[in-house]
Structure formats: structure tokens, C-alpha cells
Amino acid sequence: MESASTSENPPEPPGSRFSHFVGTVIALLTLMLPMLAIAHFSVADPPPATLPSYPLSRSRE
């Protein structure tokens, strides 16, 4: 037995273009900012590590 009325949900209104744009910008910033921060704060050629020179005491013979 078929019912005469259909229980379909009304179509949802299309999303706002502005909210779609803002979501895309946030997603791109989330992906790009960490990489840009790492690239900015990492040093390409770190200075060579120098060991402090201490005078060696001679043992008495």
C-alpha cells in the first residue's frame, strides 16, 4: 500500500559563497602556516659547534 504523501525533506538552501570561501581560506592557512613557520625559523646552515678549549693540566712524573 502506497501513501499519497511523500515524506521527503525539503531541499536545503545552497551554502553561502562567502562561508565557502572563508572555510577554504581557513583550511589553507591551517595547512600552510606550520610549514611557513618551520621554514622561517629553521636555519639553513647552522653555525659549527665549537668546543670550549680548556688548558690541560700536565700530570707530574
Protein backbone atom coordinates (compact mmCIF):
# COMPACT_ATOMS: atom_id res chain seq x y z
CA MET A 1 0.00 0.00 0.00
CA GLU A 2 1.43 3.33 -1.04
CA SER A 3 0.83 6.52 0.80
CA ALA A 4 -0.23 9.56 -1.14
CA SER A 5 2.11 11.90 0.70
CA THR A 6 5.83 11.61 0.37
CA SER A 7 7.99 12.23 3.40
CA GLU A 8 10.84 13.90 1.59
CA ASN A 9 12.76 16.63 3.32
CA PRO A 10 12.66 19.96 1.57
CA PRO A 11 15.94 20.72 -0.21
CA GLU A 12 18.37 22.66 1.91
CA PRO A 13 19.25 26.14 0.73
CA PRO A 14 22.61 26.31 -1.00
CA GLY A 15 25.54 27.36 1.18
CA SER A 16 26.72 30.89 1.06
CA ARG A 17 29.64 31.55 -1.28
CA PHE A 18 31.23 33.72 1.39
CA SER A 19 31.16 30.97 4.02
CA HIS A 20 32.61 28.51 1.50
CA PHE A 21 35.40 30.99 0.73
CA VAL A 22 36.13 31.60 4.43
CA GLY A 23 36.26 27.85 5.08
CA THR A 24 38.69 27.38 2.21
CA VAL A 25 40.93 30.18 3.48
CA ILE A 26 40.96 28.72 7.00
CA ALA A 27 41.80 25.27 5.64
CA LEU A 28 44.68 26.62 3.55
CA LEU A 29 46.05 28.63 6.47
CA THR A 30 45.85 25.57 8.69
CA LEU A 31 47.94 23.64 6.20
CA MET A 32 50.38 26.39 5.22
CA LEU A 33 51.15 28.27 8.45
CA PRO A 34 53.03 25.44 10.18
CA MET A 35 55.19 24.86 7.11
CA LEU A 36 55.89 28.56 6.70
CA ALA A 37 56.79 28.91 10.39
CA ILE A 38 59.17 25.96 10.24
CA ALA A 39 60.79 27.28 7.07
CA HIS A 40 61.15 30.76 8.56
CA PHE A 41 62.60 29.75 11.92
CA SER A 42 64.83 26.90 10.77
CA VAL A 43 68.38 27.82 9.91
CA ALA A 44 69.70 26.57 6.58
CA ASP A 45 73.33 26.31 7.68
CA PRO A 46 73.71 26.11 11.44
CA PRO A 47 76.94 27.55 12.79
CA PRO A 48 79.57 24.91 13.50
CA ALA A 49 79.65 23.74 17.07
CA THR A 50 82.82 24.81 18.80
CA LEU A 51 84.11 23.02 21.83
CA PRO A 52 85.49 25.17 24.59
CA SER A 53 89.21 24.81 24.97
CA TYR A 54 90.40 24.17 28.47
CA PRO A 55 94.05 24.07 29.41
CA LEU A 56 95.11 20.52 30.05
CA SER A 57 96.93 20.01 33.29
CA ARG A 58 100.10 18.01 32.95
CA SER A 59 100.46 15.05 35.19
CA ARG A 60 103.59 15.01 37.30
CA GLU A 61 106.03 12.25 36.56
